[in-house]
Amino acid sequence: MRSLLFAPADNQKKLEDAFASGADAVILDLEDSVSYENKARARDVVRSILRESRDESAPEVIVRINALDEAEFNADMVALLDNPPEAFMLPKAEGSGCLDRMARHAGPVPVIAIAAETPRGVLQLPTFAENTPDNLMALTWGAEDLSAQLGAATNRDKYGRLTYPYRFARSMCLITARAANVEPIDTVFVNYEDEETLAQECKNAFRDGFTGKLAIHPKQVPIINRAFTPTNEQIAKAKAIIEAFESRPGRGVVSVNGKMYDRPHLIRSQRLLRKATRYGIEH
């Protein structure tokens, strides 16, 4: 999934906009964007959506539930397990043990863990790689919650770039996800009017190895999708590297257009072509 767009589950207009946005997945939010007074009504809306039949072109439906230790978590599970979504998103996941607890409630339903929203969550990130839960589908992180927990004045500098504590959390999320062999998903960019900085942040995330990015507004979706879709130039380069290795079985290093490429480049090229296939790009 390239783009995963949040939508408050108690706001009909935002839900409609989200499903029409072109996002790969819509995250029906029962947590931060829904007030305590509206939680029960939001759950009813989510239940209704999950009962509806959807065609293959529709975005995947993910539900961000309330955190494990919050009173609303049990109510979420009771309401949703008869017709579960494609995946749950678990906020404030502090280590792989949270996913084990989640499995006791939700069984094998896949989980996207927001694994670095708290200082303890950052410190516990390696546990997802040391003991990868079977229900873990992807890892992401949360710069906004983390900055509030750290008591920061802001998490970005005057140019809109993440400051060092949040770059560290982001890097740990990426490295841990790859070590656990699950998808790494970059966090939200909250200034949805600043399309230029969002585009650059997406470009950097794709370069670094993230497979997608969370979104908070429909206008962010096309920018994210473009950034995380392999270009024709990238596909052609990947194909050339793969073909060079295939034509020289057993070789650890090959030359393509005057440059040397080794086995890690082959692995990256194969991964990129799999992405292209996933997004319907012929190659």
Foldseek 3Di string as FASTA:
>chain_A
DAEEEEAALQDPVRVVCQQVLQGQEYEHELPDVADPVCNVVSLVSVLVVLVDDDDPSTHFYEYEFEAPPDPRRVVSLVSAQVRHGQAYEHEPDQAPVSVVVVCVRNPQRAYEYQQALAPSSLVRLLRCLVPPDNRYAEYEHEPVSHCVNVVHPDQADPVLHGDDVVVSSLVSRQVSCVSNVHAYEYEERPPVVCLVVLLVVLLVCLVVPHQYYYYHDSVNRVSSVVNNQDDPVLLVVLVQVLVQCVVPDPDQWGDDPRDIDGDVSNVVSVVNVVSNVVVPHDD
